[in-house]
Amino acid sequence: MDAINPTHYQGFSNGAQPVDIAEHLSGNGAQALKYIARSTRIDGGNKGEVLQDLQKAKYFIEREIKRVSKDV
């Protein structure tokens, strides 16, 4: 396995990788994207526990909601 570019972060049909998108997001958004991308692959290339990764994504989404709510 390639430790720099693991398969669970590859596979978008347009060749994009989550890191390409994450560079344009807040820290919380980037973390949520990471967990969503690696847990919801339709090709079965998921890493780890899918439910746990989705719960982690939810945690970062909730943190981002709190962060942007302070700015409103």
PDB file of N, CA and C in Angstrom:
ATOM      1  N   MET A   1       0.838  -1.184   0.000  1.00  0.00           N
ATOM      2  CA  MET A   1       0.000   0.000   0.000  1.00  0.00           C
ATOM      3  C   MET A   1       0.881   1.244   0.000  1.00  0.00           C
ATOM      4  N   ASP A   2       0.491   2.230  -0.768  1.00  0.00           N
ATOM      5  CA  ASP A   2       1.192   3.501  -0.847  1.00  0.00           C
ATOM      6  C   ASP A   2       0.765   4.368   0.337  1.00  0.00           C
ATOM      7  N   ALA A   3       1.677   4.627   1.268  1.00  0.00           N
ATOM      8  CA  ALA A   3       1.340   5.388   2.470  1.00  0.00           C
ATOM      9  C   ALA A   3       1.050   6.855   2.176  1.00  0.00           C
ATOM     10  N   ILE A   4       1.564   7.373   1.087  1.00  0.00           N
ATOM     11  CA  ILE A   4       1.340   8.770   0.728  1.00  0.00           C
ATOM     12  C   ILE A   4       0.022   8.953  -0.015  1.00  0.00           C
ATOM     13  N   ASN A   5      -0.331   7.999  -0.849  1.00  0.00           N
ATOM     14  CA  ASN A   5      -1.520   8.102  -1.696  1.00  0.00           C
ATOM     15  C   ASN A   5      -2.328   6.802  -1.607  1.00  0.00           C
ATOM     16  N   PRO A   6      -2.897   6.496  -0.424  1.00  0.00           N
ATOM     17  CA  PRO A   6      -3.587   5.215  -0.247  1.00  0.00           C
ATOM     18  C   PRO A   6      -4.834   5.096  -1.112  1.00  0.00           C
ATOM     19  N   THR A   7      -5.197   3.873  -1.419  1.00  0.00           N
ATOM     20  CA  THR A   7      -6.311   3.620  -2.334  1.00  0.00           C
ATOM     21  C   THR A   7      -7.640   4.150  -1.823  1.00  0.00           C
ATOM     22  N   HIS A   8      -7.834   4.216  -0.497  1.00  0.00           N
ATOM     23  CA  HIS A   8      -9.128   4.696   0.012  1.00  0.00           C
ATOM     24  C   HIS A   8      -9.308   6.194  -0.189  1.00  0.00           C
ATOM     25  N   TYR A   9      -8.268   6.899  -0.655  1.00  0.00           N
ATOM     26  CA  TYR A   9      -8.401   8.315  -1.001  1.00  0.00           C
ATOM     27  C   TYR A   9      -8.331   8.530  -2.509  1.00  0.00           C
ATOM     28  N   GLN A  10      -8.328   7.472  -3.282  1.00  0.00           N
ATOM     29  CA  GLN A  10      -8.290   7.563  -4.740  1.00  0.00           C
ATOM     30  C   GLN A  10      -9.630   7.124  -5.311  1.00  0.00           C
ATOM     31  N   GLY A  11      -9.773   7.277  -6.609  1.00  0.00           N
ATOM     32  CA  GLY A  11     -10.914   6.666  -7.257  1.00  0.00           C
ATOM     33  C   GLY A  11     -12.022   7.576  -7.713  1.00  0.00           C
ATOM     34  N   PHE A  12     -11.878   8.896  -7.544  1.00  0.00           N
ATOM     35  CA  PHE A  12     -12.895   9.776  -8.097  1.00  0.00           C
ATOM     36  C   PHE A  12     -12.807   9.720  -9.613  1.00  0.00           C
ATOM     37  N   SER A  13     -13.949   9.684 -10.267  1.00  0.00           N
ATOM     38  CA  SER A  13     -13.975   9.471 -11.718  1.00  0.00           C
ATOM     39  C   SER A  13     -13.265  10.569 -12.495  1.00  0.00           C
ATOM     40  N   ASN A  14     -13.177  11.775 -11.947  1.00  0.00           N
ATOM     41  CA  ASN A  14     -12.502  12.855 -12.662  1.00  0.00           C
ATOM     42  C   ASN A  14     -11.027  12.965 -12.296  1.00  0.00           C
ATOM     43  N   GLY A  15     -10.528  12.032 -11.487  1.00  0.00           N
ATOM     44  CA  GLY A  15      -9.126  12.017 -11.100  1.00  0.00           C
ATOM     45  C   GLY A  15      -8.811  12.861  -9.878  1.00  0.00           C
ATOM     46  N   ALA A  16      -9.781  13.585  -9.361  1.00  0.00           N
ATOM     47  CA  ALA A  16      -9.555  14.412  -8.174  1.00  0.00           C
ATOM     48  C   ALA A  16      -9.342  13.534  -6.948  1.00  0.00           C
ATOM     49  N   GLN A  17      -8.589  14.060  -6.019  1.00  0.00           N
ATOM     50  CA  GLN A  17      -8.392  13.398  -4.741  1.00  0.00           C
ATOM     51  C   GLN A  17      -8.937  14.316  -3.655  1.00  0.00           C
ATOM     52  N   PRO A  18      -9.340  13.760  -2.524  1.00  0.00           N
ATOM     53  CA  PRO A  18      -9.856  14.604  -1.447  1.00  0.00           C
ATOM     54  C   PRO A  18      -8.918  15.749  -1.071  1.00  0.00           C
ATOM     55  N   VAL A  19      -7.620  15.511  -1.115  1.00  0.00           N
ATOM     56  CA  VAL A  19      -6.671  16.570  -0.757  1.00  0.00           C
ATOM     57  C   VAL A  19      -6.785  17.755  -1.711  1.00  0.00           C
ATOM     58  N   ASP A  20      -7.122  17.497  -2.974  1.00  0.00           N
ATOM     59  CA  ASP A  20      -7.295  18.586  -3.942  1.00  0.00           C
ATOM     60  C   ASP A  20      -8.451  19.495  -3.532  1.00  0.00           C
ATOM     61  N   ILE A  21      -9.478  18.914  -2.984  1.00  0.00           N
ATOM     62  CA  ILE A  21     -10.647  19.676  -2.536  1.00  0.00           C
ATOM     63  C   ILE A  21     -10.383  20.276  -1.156  1.00  0.00           C
ATOM     64  N   ALA A  22      -9.767  19.499  -0.266  1.00  0.00           N
ATOM     65  CA  ALA A  22      -9.547  19.922   1.116  1.00  0.00           C
ATOM     66  C   ALA A  22      -8.709  21.190   1.212  1.00  0.00           C
ATOM     67  N   GLU A  23      -7.825  21.413   0.249  1.00  0.00           N
ATOM     68  CA  GLU A  23      -6.990  22.617   0.267  1.00  0.00           C
ATOM     69  C   GLU A  23      -7.817  23.894   0.202  1.00  0.00           C
ATOM     70  N   HIS A  24      -9.066  23.779  -0.199  1.00  0.00           N
ATOM     71  CA  HIS A  24      -9.931  24.949  -0.350  1.00  0.00           C
ATOM     72  C   HIS A  24     -11.001  25.034   0.742  1.00  0.00           C
ATOM     73  N   LEU A  25     -10.863  24.229   1.785  1.00  0.00           N
ATOM     74  CA  LEU A  25     -11.860  24.166   2.855  1.00  0.00           C
ATOM     75  C   LEU A  25     -11.262  24.598   4.183  1.00  0.00           C
ATOM     76  N   SER A  26     -12.138  24.876   5.139  1.00  0.00           N
ATOM     77  CA  SER A  26     -11.691  25.114   6.514  1.00  0.00           C
ATOM     78  C   SER A  26     -11.115  23.810   7.064  1.00  0.00           C
ATOM     79  N   GLY A  27     -10.457  23.904   8.196  1.00  0.00           N
ATOM     80  CA  GLY A  27      -9.911  22.697   8.819  1.00  0.00           C
ATOM     81  C   GLY A  27     -10.982  21.668   9.127  1.00  0.00           C
ATOM     82  N   ASN A  28     -12.096  22.129   9.687  1.00  0.00           N
ATOM     83  CA  ASN A  28     -13.196  21.211   9.991  1.00  0.00           C
ATOM     84  C   ASN A  28     -13.773  20.608   8.723  1.00  0.00           C
ATOM     85  N   GLY A  29     -13.928  21.426   7.691  1.00  0.00           N
ATOM     86  CA  GLY A  29     -14.453  20.933   6.418  1.00  0.00           C
ATOM     87  C   GLY A  29     -13.541  19.891   5.804  1.00  0.00           C
ATOM     88  N   ALA A  30     -12.236  20.136   5.883  1.00  0.00           N
ATOM     89  CA  ALA A  30     -11.266  19.193   5.322  1.00  0.00           C
ATOM     90  C   ALA A  30     -11.302  17.862   6.063  1.00  0.00           C
ATOM     91  N   GLN A  31     -11.405  17.921   7.389  1.00  0.00           N
ATOM     92  CA  GLN A  31     -11.468  16.685   8.174  1.00  0.00           C
ATOM     93  C   GLN A  31     -12.742  15.909   7.861  1.00  0.00           C
ATOM     94  N   ALA A  32     -13.870  16.609   7.787  1.00  0.00           N
ATOM     95  CA  ALA A  32     -15.133  15.937   7.462  1.00  0.00           C
ATOM     96  C   ALA A  32     -15.045  15.282   6.092  1.00  0.00           C
ATOM     97  N   LEU A  33     -14.495  16.006   5.126  1.00  0.00           N
ATOM     98  CA  LEU A  33     -14.337  15.460   3.775  1.00  0.00           C
ATOM     99  C   LEU A  33     -13.502  14.187   3.792  1.00  0.00           C
ATOM    100  N   LYS A  34     -12.410  14.201   4.538  1.00  0.00           N
ATOM    101  CA  LYS A  34     -11.535  13.029   4.618  1.00  0.00           C
ATOM    102  C   LYS A  34     -12.321  11.801   5.078  1.00  0.00           C
ATOM    103  N   TYR A  35     -13.080  11.957   6.155  1.00  0.00           N
ATOM    104  CA  TYR A  35     -13.818  10.811   6.688  1.00  0.00           C
ATOM    105  C   TYR A  35     -14.965  10.392   5.780  1.00  0.00           C
ATOM    106  N   ILE A  36     -15.616  11.343   5.145  1.00  0.00           N
ATOM    107  CA  ILE A  36     -16.693  11.002   4.212  1.00  0.00           C
ATOM    108  C   ILE A  36     -16.126  10.287   2.993  1.00  0.00           C
ATOM    109  N   ALA A  37     -15.032  10.805   2.453  1.00  0.00           N
ATOM    110  CA  ALA A  37     -14.448  10.216   1.243  1.00  0.00           C
ATOM    111  C   ALA A  37     -13.988   8.782   1.472  1.00  0.00           C
ATOM    112  N   ARG A  38     -13.432   8.514   2.635  1.00  0.00           N
ATOM    113  CA  ARG A  38     -12.913   7.160   2.850  1.00  0.00           C
ATOM    114  C   ARG A  38     -13.961   6.183   3.361  1.00  0.00           C
ATOM    115  N   SER A  39     -15.129   6.680   3.778  1.00  0.00           N
ATOM    116  CA  SER A  39     -16.142   5.765   4.318  1.00  0.00           C
ATOM    117  C   SER A  39     -17.319   5.523   3.387  1.00  0.00           C
ATOM    118  N   THR A  40     -17.457   6.298   2.342  1.00  0.00           N
ATOM    119  CA  THR A  40     -18.639   6.170   1.486  1.00  0.00           C
ATOM    120  C   THR A  40     -18.301   5.746   0.067  1.00  0.00           C
ATOM    121  N   ARG A  41     -17.155   5.121  -0.111  1.00  0.00           N
ATOM    122  CA  ARG A  41     -16.766   4.660  -1.446  1.00  0.00           C
ATOM    123  C   ARG A  41     -17.735   3.584  -1.930  1.00  0.00           C
ATOM    124  N   ILE A  42     -18.199   3.719  -3.152  1.00  0.00           N
ATOM    125  CA  ILE A  42     -19.142   2.732  -3.688  1.00  0.00           C
ATOM    126  C   ILE A  42     -18.439   1.501  -4.245  1.00  0.00           C
ATOM    127  N   ASP A  43     -17.102   1.570  -4.366  1.00  0.00           N
ATOM    128  CA  ASP A  43     -16.365   0.420  -4.891  1.00  0.00           C
ATOM    129  C   ASP A  43     -15.886  -0.523  -3.793  1.00  0.00           C
ATOM    130  N   GLY A  44     -16.262  -0.246  -2.533  1.00  0.00           N
ATOM    131  CA  GLY A  44     -15.877  -1.117  -1.429  1.00  0.00           C
ATOM    132  C   GLY A  44     -14.475  -0.879  -0.910  1.00  0.00           C
ATOM    133  N   GLY A  45     -13.789   0.145  -1.398  1.00  0.00           N
ATOM    134  CA  GLY A  45     -12.422   0.428  -0.971  1.00  0.00           C
ATOM    135  C   GLY A  45     -12.354   1.228   0.311  1.00  0.00           C
ATOM    136  N   ASN A  46     -13.299   1.016   1.198  1.00  0.00           N
ATOM    137  CA  ASN A  46     -13.367   1.770   2.443  1.00  0.00           C
ATOM    138  C   ASN A  46     -12.221   1.384   3.362  1.00  0.00           C
ATOM    139  N   LYS A  47     -11.811   2.338   4.204  1.00  0.00           N
ATOM    140  CA  LYS A  47     -10.792   2.057   5.202  1.00  0.00           C
ATOM    141  C   LYS A  47     -11.458   2.071   6.569  1.00  0.00           C
ATOM    142  N   GLY A  48     -11.219   1.063   7.359  1.00  0.00           N
ATOM    143  CA  GLY A  48     -11.709   1.056   8.728  1.00  0.00           C
ATOM    144  C   GLY A  48     -13.205   0.868   8.845  1.00  0.00           C
ATOM    145  N   GLU A  49     -13.724   1.321   9.960  1.00  0.00           N
ATOM    146  CA  GLU A  49     -15.138   1.173  10.282  1.00  0.00           C
ATOM    147  C   GLU A  49     -15.940   2.308   9.653  1.00  0.00           C
ATOM    148  N   VAL A  50     -16.848   1.964   8.767  1.00  0.00           N
ATOM    149  CA  VAL A  50     -17.631   2.959   8.038  1.00  0.00           C
ATOM    150  C   VAL A  50     -18.448   3.823   8.998  1.00  0.00           C
ATOM    151  N   LEU A  51     -19.180   3.220   9.902  1.00  0.00           N
ATOM    152  CA  LEU A  51     -20.023   3.982  10.823  1.00  0.00           C
ATOM    153  C   LEU A  51     -19.183   4.911  11.694  1.00  0.00           C
ATOM    154  N   GLN A  52     -18.069   4.433  12.175  1.00  0.00           N
ATOM    155  CA  GLN A  52     -17.201   5.266  13.009  1.00  0.00           C
ATOM    156  C   GLN A  52     -16.674   6.466  12.215  1.00  0.00           C
ATOM    157  N   ASP A  53     -16.283   6.245  10.975  1.00  0.00           N
ATOM    158  CA  ASP A  53     -15.806   7.351  10.146  1.00  0.00           C
ATOM    159  C   ASP A  53     -16.912   8.362   9.875  1.00  0.00           C
ATOM    160  N   LEU A  54     -18.131   7.895   9.666  1.00  0.00           N
ATOM    161  CA  LEU A  54     -19.244   8.824   9.457  1.00  0.00           C
ATOM    162  C   LEU A  54     -19.541   9.623  10.728  1.00  0.00           C
ATOM    163  N   GLN A  55     -19.387   8.988  11.887  1.00  0.00           N
ATOM    164  CA  GLN A  55     -19.573   9.713  13.148  1.00  0.00           C
ATOM    165  C   GLN A  55     -18.484  10.771  13.329  1.00  0.00           C
ATOM    166  N   LYS A  56     -17.268  10.454  12.913  1.00  0.00           N
ATOM    167  CA  LYS A  56     -16.185  11.439  12.971  1.00  0.00           C
ATOM    168  C   LYS A  56     -16.476  12.606  12.037  1.00  0.00           C
ATOM    169  N   ALA A  57     -16.974  12.311  10.839  1.00  0.00           N
ATOM    170  CA  ALA A  57     -17.339  13.377   9.898  1.00  0.00           C
ATOM    171  C   ALA A  57     -18.415  14.266  10.514  1.00  0.00           C
ATOM    172  N   LYS A  58     -19.399  13.657  11.145  1.00  0.00           N
ATOM    173  CA  LYS A  58     -20.480  14.412  11.793  1.00  0.00           C
ATOM    174  C   LYS A  58     -19.920  15.328  12.872  1.00  0.00           C
ATOM    175  N   TYR A  59     -18.960  14.838  13.632  1.00  0.00           N
ATOM    176  CA  TYR A  59     -18.327  15.638  14.682  1.00  0.00           C
ATOM    177  C   TYR A  59     -17.708  16.908  14.086  1.00  0.00           C
ATOM    178  N   PHE A  60     -16.971  16.753  12.987  1.00  0.00           N
ATOM    179  CA  PHE A  60     -16.327  17.917  12.377  1.00  0.00           C
ATOM    180  C   PHE A  60     -17.341  18.840  11.706  1.00  0.00           C
ATOM    181  N   ILE A  61     -18.407  18.291  11.168  1.00  0.00           N
ATOM    182  CA  ILE A  61     -19.470  19.126  10.595  1.00  0.00           C
ATOM    183  C   ILE A  61     -20.137  19.943  11.699  1.00  0.00           C
ATOM    184  N   GLU A  62     -20.396  19.315  12.838  1.00  0.00           N
ATOM    185  CA  GLU A  62     -21.008  20.037  13.958  1.00  0.00           C
ATOM    186  C   GLU A  62     -20.084  21.135  14.480  1.00  0.00           C
ATOM    187  N   ARG A  63     -18.789  20.871  14.513  1.00  0.00           N
ATOM    188  CA  ARG A  63     -17.825  21.906  14.916  1.00  0.00           C
ATOM    189  C   ARG A  63     -17.843  23.072  13.935  1.00  0.00           C
ATOM    190  N   GLU A  64     -17.956  22.758  12.657  1.00  0.00           N
ATOM    191  CA  GLU A  64     -17.989  23.815  11.642  1.00  0.00           C
ATOM    192  C   GLU A  64     -19.270  24.635  11.757  1.00  0.00           C
ATOM    193  N   ILE A  65     -20.374  23.981  12.046  1.00  0.00           N
ATOM    194  CA  ILE A  65     -21.633  24.711  12.251  1.00  0.00           C
ATOM    195  C   ILE A  65     -21.487  25.687  13.418  1.00  0.00           C
ATOM    196  N   LYS A  66     -20.884  25.240  14.502  1.00  0.00           N
ATOM    197  CA  LYS A  66     -20.657  26.131  15.647  1.00  0.00           C
ATOM    198  C   LYS A  66     -19.742  27.286  15.265  1.00  0.00           C
ATOM    199  N   ARG A  67     -18.706  26.995  14.502  1.00  0.00           N
ATOM    200  CA  ARG A  67     -17.753  28.033  14.106  1.00  0.00           C
ATOM    201  C   ARG A  67     -18.432  29.099  13.257  1.00  0.00           C
ATOM    202  N   VAL A  68     -19.181  28.682  12.246  1.00  0.00           N
ATOM    203  CA  VAL A  68     -19.803  29.673  11.366  1.00  0.00           C
ATOM    204  C   VAL A  68     -20.981  30.369  12.049  1.00  0.00           C
ATOM    205  N   SER A  69     -21.594  29.724  13.020  1.00  0.00           N
ATOM    206  CA  SER A  69     -22.684  30.363  13.762  1.00  0.00           C
ATOM    207  C   SER A  69     -22.173  31.551  14.568  1.00  0.00           C
ATOM    208  N   LYS A  70     -20.941  31.484  15.012  1.00  0.00           N
ATOM    209  CA  LYS A  70     -20.333  32.593  15.751  1.00  0.00           C
ATOM    210  C   LYS A  70     -20.094  33.792  14.843  1.00  0.00           C
ATOM    211  N   ASP A  71     -19.881  33.531  13.554  1.00  0.00           N
ATOM    212  CA  ASP A  71     -19.597  34.600  12.594  1.00  0.00           C
ATOM    213  C   ASP A  71     -20.850  35.319  12.126  1.00  0.00           C
ATOM    214  N   VAL A  72     -22.017  34.739  12.392  1.00  0.00           N
ATOM    215  CA  VAL A  72     -23.275  35.320  11.889  1.00  0.00           C
ATOM    216  C   VAL A  72     -23.759  36.422  12.807  1.00  0.00           C
TER     217      VAL A  72
END
